[in-house]
Amino acid sequence: MTFALKELTRLLAQDQAVVGSVVAVEGALVRVATERGAVLARVLDAIAAGDRVLIRNGLATKAPVARHIYPV
């Protein structure tokens, strides 16, 4: 059994960053497809549909891209 306050804190606070792909840009908000479903986030950078973003604390920034690609 968990404590109600601890469970509420876990639901409200997002500790981890989520990576996703931008589906639509709506002014200062973007709709991002993530593994958990669609998410609306604020954006500060110039982001277009199809960009990979990192969502942390409700703000979307461009996700880091791998510089080297190794064949497998």
Protein backbone atom coordinates (compact mmCIF):
# COMPACT_ATOMS: atom_id res chain seq x y z
CA MET A 1 0.00 0.00 0.00
CA THR A 2 1.30 3.49 -0.87
CA PHE A 3 0.71 6.77 0.84
CA ALA A 4 -1.69 9.09 -0.98
CA LEU A 5 0.59 12.13 -0.74
CA LYS A 6 3.57 10.21 -2.13
CA GLU A 7 1.45 8.91 -5.01
CA LEU A 8 0.15 12.41 -5.79
CA THR A 9 3.70 13.80 -5.79
CA ARG A 10 4.80 11.08 -8.21
CA LEU A 11 1.91 11.88 -10.56
CA LEU A 12 2.49 15.64 -10.54
CA ALA A 13 6.28 15.74 -10.79
CA GLN A 14 7.91 14.54 -13.99
CA ASP A 15 11.47 13.64 -13.07
CA GLN A 16 12.55 12.10 -16.32
CA ALA A 17 12.85 13.58 -19.78
CA VAL A 18 10.75 12.19 -22.62
CA VAL A 19 11.94 11.95 -26.22
CA GLY A 20 9.49 12.18 -29.09
CA SER A 21 8.80 13.41 -32.59
CA VAL A 22 6.96 16.66 -33.38
CA VAL A 23 3.64 16.03 -35.09
CA ALA A 24 2.23 19.56 -35.25
CA VAL A 25 3.26 23.11 -34.38
CA GLU A 26 0.54 25.35 -32.94
CA GLY A 27 2.11 28.74 -32.18
CA ALA A 28 4.20 28.44 -29.01
CA LEU A 29 2.98 24.86 -28.42
CA VAL A 30 3.96 21.65 -30.19
CA ARG A 31 2.19 18.32 -30.24
CA VAL A 32 4.73 15.55 -29.73
CA ALA A 33 4.26 11.81 -30.31
CA THR A 34 5.99 9.88 -27.50
CA GLU A 35 6.01 6.29 -26.33
CA ARG A 36 3.35 7.28 -23.78
CA GLY A 37 1.07 8.99 -26.31
CA ALA A 38 0.62 12.52 -27.65
CA VAL A 39 1.87 15.38 -25.45
CA LEU A 40 1.52 19.16 -25.71
CA ALA A 41 4.64 21.11 -24.72
CA ARG A 42 5.88 24.70 -24.89
CA VAL A 43 8.72 25.46 -27.25
CA LEU A 44 11.41 28.14 -27.16
CA ASP A 45 13.50 27.11 -30.20
CA ALA A 46 12.52 27.04 -33.86
CA ILE A 47 11.09 23.55 -34.25
CA ALA A 48 9.31 22.08 -37.26
CA ALA A 49 7.15 19.01 -37.75
CA GLY A 50 9.26 15.86 -37.90
CA ASP A 51 12.00 17.10 -35.54
CA ARG A 52 13.02 14.93 -32.59
CA VAL A 53 12.61 16.76 -29.29
CA LEU A 54 13.40 16.24 -25.64
CA ILE A 55 10.60 17.24 -23.24
CA ARG A 56 11.66 18.20 -19.73
CA ASN A 57 9.37 20.04 -17.28
CA GLY A 58 6.88 20.88 -20.05
CA LEU A 59 9.48 22.53 -22.34
CA ALA A 60 10.49 20.96 -25.63
CA THR A 61 14.03 21.39 -26.96
CA LYS A 62 15.76 19.73 -29.88
CA ALA A 63 17.05 16.28 -28.94
CA PRO A 64 20.74 15.52 -29.33
CA VAL A 65 21.59 13.69 -32.55
CA ALA A 66 24.23 10.98 -32.89
CA ARG A 67 27.31 12.24 -34.73
CA HIS A 68 28.66 8.83 -35.69
CA ILE A 69 26.75 5.96 -37.22
CA TYR A 70 28.27 2.50 -37.05
CA PRO A 71 27.06 -0.31 -39.32
CA VAL A 72 25.79 -3.34 -37.47
